[in-house]
Protein backbone atom coordinates (compact mmCIF):
# COMPACT_ATOMS: atom_id res chain seq x y z
CA MET A 1 94.07 -36.65 -10.08
CA ARG A 2 93.26 -35.78 -6.48
CA LEU A 3 92.81 -38.67 -4.06
CA LYS A 4 91.21 -38.63 -0.63
CA GLY A 5 92.35 -41.26 1.86
CA ILE A 6 91.26 -42.39 5.29
CA ILE A 7 94.23 -43.57 7.30
CA ALA A 8 94.72 -45.28 10.65
CA TYR A 9 97.94 -45.20 12.61
CA ASP A 10 99.59 -46.01 15.89
CA GLY A 11 101.29 -42.75 16.82
CA THR A 12 103.63 -44.26 19.42
CA ARG A 13 106.79 -44.10 17.29
CA TYR A 14 106.07 -40.75 15.66
CA VAL A 15 106.45 -37.05 16.49
CA GLY A 16 102.94 -36.45 15.18
CA TYR A 17 101.28 -36.25 11.78
CA GLN A 18 103.23 -33.29 10.40
CA VAL A 19 106.82 -33.41 9.18
CA GLN A 20 109.15 -32.26 11.99
CA PRO A 21 112.92 -31.74 12.15
CA ASN A 22 113.20 -33.66 15.44
CA GLY A 23 111.90 -37.08 14.37
CA ASN A 24 109.86 -39.22 12.02
CA SER A 25 106.23 -38.37 11.24
CA ILE A 26 103.17 -39.93 9.64
CA GLN A 27 103.30 -37.40 6.79
CA ALA A 28 106.96 -38.22 6.10
CA GLU A 29 106.19 -41.94 5.81
CA LEU A 30 103.27 -41.31 3.45
CA GLU A 31 105.32 -39.03 1.23
CA LYS A 32 108.22 -41.49 1.22
CA ALA A 33 105.88 -44.27 0.03
CA LEU A 34 104.37 -42.07 -2.67
CA LYS A 35 107.82 -41.08 -3.91
CA LYS A 36 108.59 -44.76 -4.46
CA MET A 37 105.26 -45.24 -6.28
CA THR A 38 105.95 -42.30 -8.61
CA LYS A 39 109.61 -43.28 -9.18
CA GLY A 40 111.05 -40.17 -7.59
CA ILE A 41 108.32 -37.52 -7.87
CA ALA A 42 107.84 -35.73 -4.53
CA LEU A 43 104.19 -35.34 -3.54
CA LYS A 44 102.86 -33.43 -0.55
CA VAL A 45 100.17 -35.08 1.57
CA TYR A 46 97.70 -32.83 3.38
CA SER A 47 95.63 -33.90 6.40
CA ALA A 48 92.41 -32.93 8.13
CA GLY A 49 94.39 -32.01 11.23
CA ARG A 50 97.82 -32.27 12.85
CA THR A 51 97.82 -34.90 15.55
CA ASP A 52 100.52 -34.47 18.21
CA SER A 53 103.40 -36.75 19.12
CA GLY A 54 102.08 -40.06 20.46
CA VAL A 55 98.47 -39.45 19.39
CA HIS A 56 96.73 -42.14 17.34
CA ALA A 57 94.12 -42.12 14.58
CA ARG A 58 91.44 -44.46 13.33
CA GLY A 59 89.95 -42.04 10.81
CA GLN A 60 92.47 -39.36 9.84
CA VAL A 61 91.71 -37.94 6.38
CA ILE A 62 94.34 -36.96 3.82
CA HIS A 63 94.46 -35.72 0.24
CA PHE A 64 97.19 -35.60 -2.38
CA ASP A 65 97.51 -35.06 -6.13
CA TYR A 66 98.75 -38.10 -8.03
CA PRO A 67 100.59 -37.22 -11.27
CA VAL A 68 98.85 -39.81 -13.47
CA ALA A 69 95.42 -41.44 -13.55
CA ILE A 70 95.35 -44.50 -11.30
CA LYS A 71 92.62 -46.71 -9.94
CA PRO A 72 92.21 -45.88 -6.24
CA GLU A 73 92.19 -49.55 -5.28
CA ASN A 74 95.56 -50.02 -6.99
CA ALA A 75 97.03 -46.98 -5.25
CA LEU A 76 95.70 -48.19 -1.90
CA ARG A 77 97.27 -51.62 -2.34
CA ALA A 78 100.60 -50.11 -3.40
CA LEU A 79 100.69 -47.63 -0.51
CA ASN A 80 100.01 -50.27 2.11
CA SER A 81 102.76 -52.47 0.68
CA LEU A 82 105.26 -49.62 1.13
CA LEU A 83 104.14 -48.14 4.47
CA PRO A 84 105.26 -49.32 7.92
CA THR A 85 102.78 -51.72 9.48
CA ASP A 86 101.73 -49.14 12.10
CA ILE A 87 100.28 -46.93 9.34
CA ARG A 88 97.47 -48.20 7.10
CA VAL A 89 95.43 -46.60 4.34
CA VAL A 90 91.96 -48.03 5.01
CA ALA A 91 90.14 -46.30 2.13
CA LEU A 92 91.09 -44.28 -0.95
CA LYS A 93 88.89 -42.56 -3.53
CA ALA A 94 89.10 -39.96 -6.28
CA VAL A 95 87.63 -36.57 -5.39
CA ARG A 96 87.14 -33.17 -6.99
CA ASP A 97 90.30 -31.23 -7.78
CA ASP A 98 89.39 -28.55 -5.22
CA PHE A 99 88.73 -30.98 -2.34
CA ASN A 100 90.77 -30.05 0.73
CA ALA A 101 91.06 -32.44 3.68
CA GLN A 102 91.54 -29.61 6.16
CA TYR A 103 89.39 -26.74 4.96
CA HIS A 104 86.36 -28.74 3.84
CA SER A 105 86.01 -30.71 7.07
CA GLN A 106 82.73 -29.96 8.85
CA LYS A 107 83.10 -31.93 12.05
CA LYS A 108 85.65 -34.11 13.84
CA ARG A 109 85.31 -36.75 16.51
CA TYR A 110 88.05 -37.53 19.02
CA ARG A 111 88.04 -40.32 21.59
CA TYR A 112 90.18 -40.38 24.72
CA GLN A 113 90.54 -43.80 26.39
CA MET A 114 91.10 -44.27 30.13
CA ASN A 115 91.66 -47.32 32.32
CA THR A 116 91.19 -47.17 36.09
CA ALA A 117 92.10 -50.76 37.01
CA THR A 118 94.47 -51.16 39.96
CA ILE A 119 96.99 -52.98 37.77
CA GLN A 120 97.79 -51.67 34.31
CA ASP A 121 96.99 -53.96 31.40
CA PRO A 122 100.28 -54.37 29.47
CA PHE A 123 98.33 -54.80 26.24
CA THR A 124 96.57 -51.42 26.46
CA ARG A 125 99.36 -49.37 28.03
CA LEU A 126 100.14 -47.59 24.73
CA TYR A 127 96.50 -46.74 23.98
CA MET A 128 94.87 -45.83 27.31
CA TRP A 129 95.75 -43.51 30.15
CA HIS A 130 96.16 -45.72 33.20
CA HIS A 131 94.71 -43.80 36.14
CA PRO A 132 94.25 -46.30 39.02
CA TYR A 133 91.84 -44.28 41.16
CA HIS A 134 88.11 -44.34 41.89
CA THR A 135 87.36 -41.49 39.51
CA LYS A 136 83.65 -40.62 39.52
CA ILE A 137 82.08 -40.39 36.09
CA GLU A 138 78.89 -38.43 36.85
CA PRO A 139 80.59 -35.23 38.09
CA MET A 140 82.82 -35.28 35.00
CA ARG A 141 79.84 -35.83 32.72
CA GLU A 142 77.99 -32.94 34.35
CA ALA A 143 81.01 -30.65 34.02
CA LEU A 144 81.52 -31.52 30.35
CA GLU A 145 77.99 -30.37 29.51
CA VAL A 146 79.20 -26.82 30.14
CA ILE A 147 81.52 -26.79 27.13
CA VAL A 148 78.89 -27.80 24.56
CA GLY A 149 78.19 -24.91 22.21
CA GLU A 150 80.30 -22.06 20.87
CA HIS A 151 82.90 -20.79 23.33
CA ASP A 152 86.31 -19.20 23.59
CA PHE A 153 88.53 -22.13 24.66
CA THR A 154 91.65 -20.14 25.57
CA SER A 155 91.74 -21.82 29.01
CA PHE A 156 91.89 -25.23 27.33
CA CYS A 157 94.54 -24.45 24.73
CA SER A 158 98.31 -24.74 24.89
CA THR A 159 100.15 -21.42 24.98
CA LYS A 160 102.27 -22.79 22.12
CA THR A 161 99.35 -22.55 19.69
CA ASP A 162 99.67 -20.46 16.53
CA LYS A 163 95.90 -19.83 16.38
CA GLU A 164 94.73 -16.33 17.29
CA ASN A 165 91.03 -17.18 17.22
CA LYS A 166 90.27 -19.53 20.13
CA VAL A 167 86.50 -19.76 19.48
CA ARG A 168 85.30 -23.25 18.59
CA THR A 169 81.94 -25.05 18.59
CA VAL A 170 81.59 -28.34 20.46
CA TYR A 171 78.60 -30.46 19.43
CA ARG A 172 79.16 -33.38 21.78
CA SER A 173 81.11 -33.77 25.01
CA ASP A 174 80.37 -37.00 26.84
CA ILE A 175 81.73 -40.10 28.55
CA GLU A 176 81.01 -43.67 27.43
CA GLU A 177 81.34 -46.41 30.04
CA ILE A 178 82.97 -49.33 28.24
CA SER A 179 83.56 -51.62 31.24
CA PRO A 180 83.86 -51.28 35.03
CA ASP A 181 87.53 -50.31 34.61
CA ARG A 182 87.36 -48.35 31.37
CA PHE A 183 85.63 -45.24 30.12
CA ASP A 184 86.10 -43.08 27.03
CA PHE A 185 85.73 -39.33 26.65
CA VAL A 186 84.09 -38.50 23.30
CA PHE A 187 84.26 -35.04 21.75
CA GLU A 188 82.74 -33.81 18.50
CA GLY A 189 83.21 -30.29 17.18
CA ASN A 190 83.91 -28.10 14.18
CA GLY A 191 87.57 -27.93 15.21
CA PHE A 192 89.88 -28.28 18.19
CA LEU A 193 92.80 -26.20 19.42
CA TYR A 194 96.31 -27.42 20.24
CA ASN A 195 96.05 -29.80 23.26
CA MET A 196 92.41 -28.75 23.79
CA ILE A 197 91.01 -32.24 24.26
CA ARG A 198 93.87 -33.41 26.47
CA ILE A 199 93.46 -30.35 28.74
CA LEU A 200 89.69 -30.90 28.90
CA VAL A 201 90.33 -34.52 29.90
CA GLY A 202 92.96 -33.57 32.47
CA THR A 203 90.63 -30.97 34.01
CA SER A 204 87.66 -33.36 34.00
CA VAL A 205 89.68 -36.07 35.76
CA GLN A 206 90.57 -33.61 38.52
CA ILE A 207 86.83 -33.06 38.96
CA GLY A 208 86.19 -36.81 38.94
CA ASP A 209 88.91 -37.27 41.56
CA GLY A 210 87.35 -34.62 43.80
CA LEU A 211 90.21 -32.13 43.41
CA ARG A 212 87.91 -29.59 41.75
CA THR A 213 84.16 -29.06 41.86
CA VAL A 214 81.78 -29.41 38.92
CA GLU A 215 81.23 -25.65 38.99
CA THR A 216 84.89 -24.91 38.27
CA MET A 217 84.52 -26.02 34.63
CA ALA A 218 82.37 -22.98 33.86
CA GLU A 219 84.73 -20.74 35.83
CA ILE A 220 87.76 -22.02 33.91
CA LEU A 221 85.98 -21.52 30.57
CA LYS A 222 85.05 -17.96 31.53
CA ALA A 223 88.60 -17.13 32.70
CA LYS A 224 90.12 -17.46 29.19
CA ASP A 225 93.45 -18.21 30.86
CA ARG A 226 95.45 -21.42 30.38
CA ASN A 227 96.71 -21.15 33.97
CA ALA A 228 93.13 -21.64 35.20
CA GLY A 229 92.76 -25.01 33.48
CA GLY A 230 93.88 -28.43 34.62
CA PRO A 231 96.83 -30.55 33.47
CA THR A 232 97.30 -31.91 29.96
CA ALA A 233 96.38 -35.61 29.85
CA PRO A 234 98.97 -37.99 28.28
CA ALA A 235 98.97 -38.15 24.48
CA HIS A 236 98.72 -41.94 24.12
CA GLY A 237 95.06 -42.16 25.16
CA LEU A 238 93.87 -39.92 22.32
CA PHE A 239 92.48 -41.04 18.95
CA LEU A 240 91.21 -39.03 15.99
CA GLU A 241 88.23 -41.20 15.18
CA ARG A 242 86.28 -39.60 12.33
CA VAL A 243 86.08 -36.54 10.09
CA TRP A 244 82.92 -35.44 8.27
CA TYR A 245 82.70 -33.66 4.88
CA PRO A 246 79.92 -32.22 2.71
CA GLU A 247 78.90 -34.78 0.12
CA GLU A 248 79.22 -32.36 -2.79
CA VAL A 249 82.98 -31.82 -2.38
CA GLU A 250 83.69 -35.56 -2.57
CA ASN A 251 81.71 -36.40 -5.72
CA VAL A 252 83.67 -36.98 -8.90
CA SER A 253 83.15 -38.80 -12.20
CA LEU A 254 85.89 -41.34 -12.90
CA ASP A 255 87.26 -42.32 -16.28
CA THR A 256 87.66 -46.08 -16.70
CA ASP A 257 91.00 -45.83 -18.55
CA MET A 258 93.32 -45.96 -15.54
CA GLU A 259 96.30 -47.96 -14.41
């Protein structure tokens, strides 16, 4: 049976979601736990997207095929008992056999957290970019309006990407003021390129700091050249917050005779 999970994780200790030869990953920990549950059967876990090293998630979506019928609540309890405490499965449900966490996703939301206090809070240092300057929000907000819609985001994509098509649609690009010393960038779109959000944040902060003008955002977008864009913001402020799917691909009828 195919199961869809929503997982949350602190990405600090990991090289990203995907299995990598240079360190431990979220995917590796999930597959290790499942191998214990199935008494040695190796299962592959697929995700809605590959978060980078140090990036966190509150609403990453996964799917995997379990070899026997099992009640989702039992599988959820077993997985959480076997996973490290910085990875949690927060929901698990049976879905159609053709459900795909990556290809069926319609929209994703990412949140990037920033703190501008003079002194860094030791309790948020792993989850917010500490930028102790009087960064102005309104110029950044105005600049981010430019990227809403369908555009070629080559200027805001790492040159290490394996994607040839750089066209993506952004539905929302905004800043939420959480407190006098904290604001969050919020992006929603049909997909995001490698480092796209972190480069958008890094460029926006240069505008907020007065190092670039609001008008340069449109110029950078039009240039289709990574060298025209700003720096890549640190990974630890970024969270994958939510992924949306069409209702029809998640519906499934469950048999009651399960473990």
